[in-house]
């Protein structure tokens, strides 16, 4: 028979892991940050065991570092590692957007426009955390439309690894926040079922973010 207690603990561990992944992706946890198991457990209102197990799972996936003193650290991202991840991201995210174009319809496009509006509003309000969360929601909703869940998991793993750098993308100037965005081109491409235009927009979005990070994080 299944060990119900073990199954419940694993479910809780996965929930904690998902919360920590989200925090990494939106830059709430910055490079060099030290994660204290007890503090996280108190913040999430859970016991230490699932938190520790979640942290160890993130160490195994390369998202966190463990020290000899049993502390958990958000790793500093080297330039070479960043370039490696960006290169892989481009391949996987192009694959996702290419598939998403094929399944695009008016309902899905409307949903993406709604998420984009939320993203623009967050940027205009200079709310960094909200902007990062909205950006993630937009991108992963688009990738989800590809109908390839394994691909989405792989993309998420890459975002988790470099997400702590994303905090350095914001805040942007008012002119930049109000100006034309790569997502404008992407949405127009999706409306026209123009695969090449969508691919260009995704690649430019990744490259533009990398340019900012070259100055703000790696500079």
C-alpha atoms as a PDB file:
ATOM      1  CA  UNK A   1       0.000   0.000   0.000  1.00  0.00           C
ATOM      2  CA  UNK A   2       1.043   3.576  -0.519  1.00  0.00           C
ATOM      3  CA  UNK A   3       2.606   5.380   2.408  1.00  0.00           C
ATOM      4  CA  UNK A   4       0.021   8.167   2.772  1.00  0.00           C
ATOM      5  CA  UNK A   5       2.169  10.230   5.158  1.00  0.00           C
ATOM      6  CA  UNK A   6       5.127  10.065   2.768  1.00  0.00           C
ATOM      7  CA  UNK A   7       2.912  11.036  -0.166  1.00  0.00           C
ATOM      8  CA  UNK A   8       1.523  14.017   1.724  1.00  0.00           C
ATOM      9  CA  UNK A   9       5.017  15.171   2.680  1.00  0.00           C
ATOM     10  CA  UNK A  10       6.174  14.892  -0.932  1.00  0.00           C
ATOM     11  CA  UNK A  11       3.157  16.913  -2.055  1.00  0.00           C
ATOM     12  CA  UNK A  12       4.043  19.616   0.457  1.00  0.00           C
ATOM     13  CA  UNK A  13       7.691  19.485  -0.627  1.00  0.00           C
ATOM     14  CA  UNK A  14       6.671  20.057  -4.252  1.00  0.00           C
ATOM     15  CA  UNK A  15       4.484  22.989  -3.215  1.00  0.00           C
ATOM     16  CA  UNK A  16       7.394  24.586  -1.350  1.00  0.00           C
ATOM     17  CA  UNK A  17       9.691  23.902  -4.305  1.00  0.00           C
ATOM     18  CA  UNK A  18       7.226  25.617  -6.638  1.00  0.00           C
ATOM     19  CA  UNK A  19       7.137  28.686  -4.353  1.00  0.00           C
ATOM     20  CA  UNK A  20      10.929  28.836  -4.248  1.00  0.00           C
ATOM     21  CA  UNK A  21      11.189  28.405  -8.027  1.00  0.00           C
ATOM     22  CA  UNK A  22       8.797  31.298  -8.493  1.00  0.00           C
ATOM     23  CA  UNK A  23      10.854  33.466  -6.148  1.00  0.00           C
ATOM     24  CA  UNK A  24      14.011  32.612  -8.095  1.00  0.00           C
ATOM     25  CA  UNK A  25      12.432  33.296 -11.482  1.00  0.00           C
ATOM     26  CA  UNK A  26      11.106  36.730 -10.533  1.00  0.00           C
ATOM     27  CA  UNK A  27      14.356  37.748  -8.884  1.00  0.00           C
ATOM     28  CA  UNK A  28      12.926  37.897  -5.376  1.00  0.00           C
ATOM     29  CA  UNK A  29      15.997  35.895  -4.372  1.00  0.00           C
ATOM     30  CA  UNK A  30      19.132  37.635  -5.615  1.00  0.00           C
ATOM     31  CA  UNK A  31      22.525  36.085  -6.411  1.00  0.00           C
ATOM     32  CA  UNK A  32      24.477  35.526  -3.196  1.00  0.00           C
ATOM     33  CA  UNK A  33      21.371  35.408  -0.983  1.00  0.00           C
ATOM     34  CA  UNK A  34      21.563  32.915   1.903  1.00  0.00           C
ATOM     35  CA  UNK A  35      18.447  30.826   2.465  1.00  0.00           C
ATOM     36  CA  UNK A  36      17.692  29.794   6.029  1.00  0.00           C
ATOM     37  CA  UNK A  37      15.485  26.726   6.271  1.00  0.00           C
ATOM     38  CA  UNK A  38      13.839  27.806   9.531  1.00  0.00           C
ATOM     39  CA  UNK A  39      13.016  31.283   8.216  1.00  0.00           C
ATOM     40  CA  UNK A  40      11.462  29.931   5.014  1.00  0.00           C
ATOM     41  CA  UNK A  41       9.389  27.428   6.986  1.00  0.00           C
ATOM     42  CA  UNK A  42       8.063  30.228   9.188  1.00  0.00           C
ATOM     43  CA  UNK A  43       7.260  32.420   6.176  1.00  0.00           C
ATOM     44  CA  UNK A  44       5.384  29.597   4.448  1.00  0.00           C
ATOM     45  CA  UNK A  45       3.734  28.336   7.608  1.00  0.00           C
ATOM     46  CA  UNK A  46       5.074  24.810   7.277  1.00  0.00           C
ATOM     47  CA  UNK A  47       7.539  22.503   9.016  1.00  0.00           C
ATOM     48  CA  UNK A  48      11.255  22.462   8.331  1.00  0.00           C
ATOM     49  CA  UNK A  49      11.330  19.005   6.680  1.00  0.00           C
ATOM     50  CA  UNK A  50       9.511  19.817   3.401  1.00  0.00           C
ATOM     51  CA  UNK A  51      11.446  23.074   3.115  1.00  0.00           C
ATOM     52  CA  UNK A  52      14.773  21.309   3.487  1.00  0.00           C
ATOM     53  CA  UNK A  53      13.727  18.625   0.996  1.00  0.00           C
ATOM     54  CA  UNK A  54      12.641  21.311  -1.484  1.00  0.00           C
ATOM     55  CA  UNK A  55      15.953  23.131  -1.069  1.00  0.00           C
ATOM     56  CA  UNK A  56      17.881  19.909  -1.659  1.00  0.00           C
ATOM     57  CA  UNK A  57      15.870  19.254  -4.821  1.00  0.00           C
ATOM     58  CA  UNK A  58      16.810  22.712  -6.087  1.00  0.00           C
ATOM     59  CA  UNK A  59      20.470  22.004  -5.279  1.00  0.00           C
ATOM     60  CA  UNK A  60      20.237  18.791  -7.306  1.00  0.00           C
ATOM     61  CA  UNK A  61      18.803  20.688 -10.286  1.00  0.00           C
ATOM     62  CA  UNK A  62      21.577  23.307 -10.103  1.00  0.00           C
ATOM     63  CA  UNK A  63      19.317  26.164  -9.033  1.00  0.00           C
ATOM     64  CA  UNK A  64      20.917  26.537  -5.575  1.00  0.00           C
ATOM     65  CA  UNK A  65      24.285  25.843  -3.979  1.00  0.00           C
ATOM     66  CA  UNK A  66      24.819  23.999  -0.697  1.00  0.00           C
ATOM     67  CA  UNK A  67      27.735  24.876   1.586  1.00  0.00           C
ATOM     68  CA  UNK A  68      29.665  22.589   3.975  1.00  0.00           C
ATOM     69  CA  UNK A  69      27.879  24.382   6.820  1.00  0.00           C
ATOM     70  CA  UNK A  70      24.568  23.081   5.412  1.00  0.00           C
ATOM     71  CA  UNK A  71      23.498  26.531   4.268  1.00  0.00           C
ATOM     72  CA  UNK A  72      21.785  27.134   0.960  1.00  0.00           C
ATOM     73  CA  UNK A  73      22.873  29.943  -1.323  1.00  0.00           C
ATOM     74  CA  UNK A  74      21.516  31.507  -4.487  1.00  0.00           C
ATOM     75  CA  UNK A  75      24.530  31.091  -6.788  1.00  0.00           C
ATOM     76  CA  UNK A  76      26.296  33.967  -8.447  1.00  0.00           C
ATOM     77  CA  UNK A  77      25.926  33.611 -12.209  1.00  0.00           C
ATOM     78  CA  UNK A  78      29.148  33.598 -14.196  1.00  0.00           C
ATOM     79  CA  UNK A  79      29.173  35.220 -17.606  1.00  0.00           C
ATOM     80  CA  UNK A  80      30.075  31.948 -19.319  1.00  0.00           C
ATOM     81  CA  UNK A  81      27.219  30.120 -17.602  1.00  0.00           C
ATOM     82  CA  UNK A  82      24.817  32.900 -18.498  1.00  0.00           C
ATOM     83  CA  UNK A  83      25.813  32.718 -22.177  1.00  0.00           C
ATOM     84  CA  UNK A  84      25.402  28.947 -22.136  1.00  0.00           C
ATOM     85  CA  UNK A  85      21.904  29.158 -20.669  1.00  0.00           C
ATOM     86  CA  UNK A  86      20.889  31.944 -23.053  1.00  0.00           C
ATOM     87  CA  UNK A  87      22.005  29.848 -26.020  1.00  0.00           C
ATOM     88  CA  UNK A  88      19.922  26.892 -24.853  1.00  0.00           C
ATOM     89  CA  UNK A  89      16.979  29.155 -24.030  1.00  0.00           C
ATOM     90  CA  UNK A  90      16.915  30.494 -27.562  1.00  0.00           C
ATOM     91  CA  UNK A  91      16.632  27.017 -29.043  1.00  0.00           C
ATOM     92  CA  UNK A  92      13.921  25.859 -26.650  1.00  0.00           C
ATOM     93  CA  UNK A  93      11.871  29.065 -26.613  1.00  0.00           C
ATOM     94  CA  UNK A  94      11.939  29.311 -30.412  1.00  0.00           C
ATOM     95  CA  UNK A  95      10.632  25.745 -30.509  1.00  0.00           C
ATOM     96  CA  UNK A  96       7.863  26.649 -28.068  1.00  0.00           C
ATOM     97  CA  UNK A  97       6.738  29.797 -29.871  1.00  0.00           C
ATOM     98  CA  UNK A  98       6.837  28.020 -33.235  1.00  0.00           C
ATOM     99  CA  UNK A  99       4.456  25.371 -31.938  1.00  0.00           C
ATOM    100  CA  UNK A 100       2.274  27.945 -30.178  1.00  0.00           C
ATOM    101  CA  UNK A 101       1.740  29.825 -33.458  1.00  0.00           C
ATOM    102  CA  UNK A 102       0.224  26.700 -34.989  1.00  0.00           C
ATOM    103  CA  UNK A 103      -2.382  26.403 -32.259  1.00  0.00           C
ATOM    104  CA  UNK A 104      -3.152  30.102 -31.863  1.00  0.00           C
ATOM    105  CA  UNK A 105      -6.787  31.221 -31.932  1.00  0.00           C
ATOM    106  CA  UNK A 106      -8.731  34.335 -30.930  1.00  0.00           C
ATOM    107  CA  UNK A 107      -9.395  33.179 -27.378  1.00  0.00           C
ATOM    108  CA  UNK A 108      -5.720  32.475 -26.741  1.00  0.00           C
ATOM    109  CA  UNK A 109      -4.669  35.731 -28.362  1.00  0.00           C
ATOM    110  CA  UNK A 110      -7.115  37.670 -26.182  1.00  0.00           C
ATOM    111  CA  UNK A 111      -5.652  36.056 -23.077  1.00  0.00           C
ATOM    112  CA  UNK A 112      -2.121  36.989 -24.147  1.00  0.00           C
ATOM    113  CA  UNK A 113      -3.208  40.596 -24.736  1.00  0.00           C
ATOM    114  CA  UNK A 114      -4.651  40.679 -21.206  1.00  0.00           C
ATOM    115  CA  UNK A 115      -1.380  39.418 -19.740  1.00  0.00           C
ATOM    116  CA  UNK A 116       0.590  41.901 -21.810  1.00  0.00           C
ATOM    117  CA  UNK A 117      -1.565  44.759 -20.517  1.00  0.00           C
ATOM    118  CA  UNK A 118      -0.812  43.632 -16.965  1.00  0.00           C
ATOM    119  CA  UNK A 119       2.897  43.571 -17.792  1.00  0.00           C
ATOM    120  CA  UNK A 120       2.850  47.095 -19.244  1.00  0.00           C
ATOM    121  CA  UNK A 121       0.899  48.418 -16.264  1.00  0.00           C
ATOM    122  CA  UNK A 122       3.451  46.925 -13.879  1.00  0.00           C
ATOM    123  CA  UNK A 123       6.338  48.482 -15.789  1.00  0.00           C
ATOM    124  CA  UNK A 124       4.662  51.891 -15.865  1.00  0.00           C
ATOM    125  CA  UNK A 125       4.096  51.729 -12.099  1.00  0.00           C
ATOM    126  CA  UNK A 126       7.789  50.805 -11.634  1.00  0.00           C
ATOM    127  CA  UNK A 127       6.706  47.772  -9.605  1.00  0.00           C
ATOM    128  CA  UNK A 128       9.677  45.474 -10.241  1.00  0.00           C
ATOM    129  CA  UNK A 129       8.341  42.297  -8.643  1.00  0.00           C
ATOM    130  CA  UNK A 130       4.956  42.684 -10.312  1.00  0.00           C
ATOM    131  CA  UNK A 131       6.601  43.353 -13.680  1.00  0.00           C
ATOM    132  CA  UNK A 132       8.729  40.214 -13.393  1.00  0.00           C
ATOM    133  CA  UNK A 133       5.731  38.124 -12.360  1.00  0.00           C
ATOM    134  CA  UNK A 134       3.650  39.515 -15.223  1.00  0.00           C
ATOM    135  CA  UNK A 135       6.436  38.900 -17.719  1.00  0.00           C
ATOM    136  CA  UNK A 136       6.742  35.317 -16.551  1.00  0.00           C
ATOM    137  CA  UNK A 137       2.960  34.834 -16.769  1.00  0.00           C
ATOM    138  CA  UNK A 138       2.908  36.153 -20.342  1.00  0.00           C
ATOM    139  CA  UNK A 139       5.805  34.058 -21.581  1.00  0.00           C
ATOM    140  CA  UNK A 140       4.791  30.794 -19.984  1.00  0.00           C
ATOM    141  CA  UNK A 141       1.172  31.180 -21.052  1.00  0.00           C
ATOM    142  CA  UNK A 142       2.443  31.544 -24.611  1.00  0.00           C
ATOM    143  CA  UNK A 143       4.714  28.512 -24.248  1.00  0.00           C
ATOM    144  CA  UNK A 144       1.914  26.507 -22.675  1.00  0.00           C
ATOM    145  CA  UNK A 145      -0.071  27.014 -25.882  1.00  0.00           C
ATOM    146  CA  UNK A 146       2.582  24.919 -27.656  1.00  0.00           C
ATOM    147  CA  UNK A 147       1.019  21.885 -25.995  1.00  0.00           C
ATOM    148  CA  UNK A 148       4.439  20.493 -25.027  1.00  0.00           C
ATOM    149  CA  UNK A 149       4.579  20.271 -21.207  1.00  0.00           C
ATOM    150  CA  UNK A 150       8.024  18.668 -21.120  1.00  0.00           C
ATOM    151  CA  UNK A 151       9.411  21.553 -23.152  1.00  0.00           C
ATOM    152  CA  UNK A 152       7.848  24.053 -20.744  1.00  0.00           C
ATOM    153  CA  UNK A 153       9.487  22.269 -17.796  1.00  0.00           C
ATOM    154  CA  UNK A 154      12.892  22.499 -19.480  1.00  0.00           C
ATOM    155  CA  UNK A 155      12.422  26.205 -20.177  1.00  0.00           C
ATOM    156  CA  UNK A 156      11.355  26.807 -16.589  1.00  0.00           C
ATOM    157  CA  UNK A 157      14.487  25.057 -15.304  1.00  0.00           C
ATOM    158  CA  UNK A 158      16.624  27.474 -17.298  1.00  0.00           C
ATOM    159  CA  UNK A 159      14.670  30.489 -16.065  1.00  0.00           C
ATOM    160  CA  UNK A 160      15.093  29.279 -12.473  1.00  0.00           C
ATOM    161  CA  UNK A 161      18.868  29.150 -12.925  1.00  0.00           C
ATOM    162  CA  UNK A 162      19.241  32.720 -14.181  1.00  0.00           C
ATOM    163  CA  UNK A 163      16.083  34.236 -12.707  1.00  0.00           C
ATOM    164  CA  UNK A 164      17.953  35.880  -9.816  1.00  0.00           C
ATOM    165  CA  UNK A 165      19.621  38.119 -12.425  1.00  0.00           C
ATOM    166  CA  UNK A 166      16.263  39.298 -13.761  1.00  0.00           C
ATOM    167  CA  UNK A 167      15.873  41.782 -10.927  1.00  0.00           C
ATOM    168  CA  UNK A 168      18.582  43.831 -12.632  1.00  0.00           C
ATOM    169  CA  UNK A 169      16.349  44.344 -15.692  1.00  0.00           C
ATOM    170  CA  UNK A 170      14.203  46.881 -13.821  1.00  0.00           C
ATOM    171  CA  UNK A 171      13.182  49.535 -13.136  1.00  0.00           C
ATOM    172  CA  UNK A 172      13.159  50.967 -16.636  1.00  0.00           C
ATOM    173  CA  UNK A 173      12.892  54.580 -17.666  1.00  0.00           C
ATOM    174  CA  UNK A 174       9.416  55.918 -18.316  1.00  0.00           C
ATOM    175  CA  UNK A 175      10.248  56.268 -22.009  1.00  0.00           C
ATOM    176  CA  UNK A 176      11.316  52.626 -22.201  1.00  0.00           C
ATOM    177  CA  UNK A 177       8.247  51.471 -20.286  1.00  0.00           C
ATOM    178  CA  UNK A 178       5.899  53.396 -22.561  1.00  0.00           C
ATOM    179  CA  UNK A 179       7.698  52.701 -25.829  1.00  0.00           C
ATOM    180  CA  UNK A 180       7.274  49.976 -28.420  1.00  0.00           C
ATOM    181  CA  UNK A 181       7.999  46.544 -26.976  1.00  0.00           C
ATOM    182  CA  UNK A 182       9.053  43.255 -28.542  1.00  0.00           C
ATOM    183  CA  UNK A 183       5.774  41.806 -27.323  1.00  0.00           C
ATOM    184  CA  UNK A 184       3.914  44.242 -29.590  1.00  0.00           C
ATOM    185  CA  UNK A 185       5.633  42.623 -32.564  1.00  0.00           C
ATOM    186  CA  UNK A 186       5.093  39.177 -31.098  1.00  0.00           C
ATOM    187  CA  UNK A 187       1.352  39.695 -30.650  1.00  0.00           C
ATOM    188  CA  UNK A 188       1.004  41.085 -34.163  1.00  0.00           C
ATOM    189  CA  UNK A 189       2.896  38.084 -35.473  1.00  0.00           C
ATOM    190  CA  UNK A 190       0.644  35.720 -33.545  1.00  0.00           C
ATOM    191  CA  UNK A 191      -2.458  37.458 -34.908  1.00  0.00           C
ATOM    192  CA  UNK A 192      -1.121  37.007 -38.436  1.00  0.00           C
ATOM    193  CA  UNK A 193       0.113  33.449 -37.742  1.00  0.00           C
ATOM    194  CA  UNK A 194       3.503  34.735 -38.891  1.00  0.00           C
ATOM    195  CA  UNK A 195       5.952  32.223 -37.446  1.00  0.00           C
ATOM    196  CA  UNK A 196       9.101  34.038 -38.562  1.00  0.00           C
ATOM    197  CA  UNK A 197       7.992  37.348 -37.053  1.00  0.00           C
ATOM    198  CA  UNK A 198       7.181  35.653 -33.749  1.00  0.00           C
ATOM    199  CA  UNK A 199      10.563  33.949 -33.659  1.00  0.00           C
ATOM    200  CA  UNK A 200      12.343  37.241 -34.333  1.00  0.00           C
ATOM    201  CA  UNK A 201      10.415  38.917 -31.518  1.00  0.00           C
ATOM    202  CA  UNK A 202      11.286  36.194 -28.991  1.00  0.00           C
ATOM    203  CA  UNK A 203      14.949  36.189 -29.948  1.00  0.00           C
ATOM    204  CA  UNK A 204      15.125  39.979 -29.762  1.00  0.00           C
ATOM    205  CA  UNK A 205      13.441  39.922 -26.356  1.00  0.00           C
ATOM    206  CA  UNK A 206      16.073  37.511 -25.052  1.00  0.00           C
ATOM    207  CA  UNK A 207      18.900  39.520 -26.628  1.00  0.00           C
ATOM    208  CA  UNK A 208      17.591  42.845 -25.303  1.00  0.00           C
ATOM    209  CA  UNK A 209      17.421  41.437 -21.785  1.00  0.00           C
ATOM    210  CA  UNK A 210      20.957  40.101 -22.139  1.00  0.00           C
ATOM    211  CA  UNK A 211      22.186  43.541 -23.222  1.00  0.00           C
ATOM    212  CA  UNK A 212      20.731  45.156 -20.107  1.00  0.00           C
ATOM    213  CA  UNK A 213      22.254  42.492 -17.864  1.00  0.00           C
ATOM    214  CA  UNK A 214      25.659  42.941 -19.485  1.00  0.00           C
ATOM    215  CA  UNK A 215      25.609  46.478 -18.120  1.00  0.00           C
ATOM    216  CA  UNK A 216      23.631  46.123 -14.898  1.00  0.00           C
ATOM    217  CA  UNK A 217      24.814  42.751 -13.593  1.00  0.00           C
ATOM    218  CA  UNK A 218      27.940  41.657 -15.419  1.00  0.00           C
ATOM    219  CA  UNK A 219      29.319  45.117 -16.149  1.00  0.00           C
END
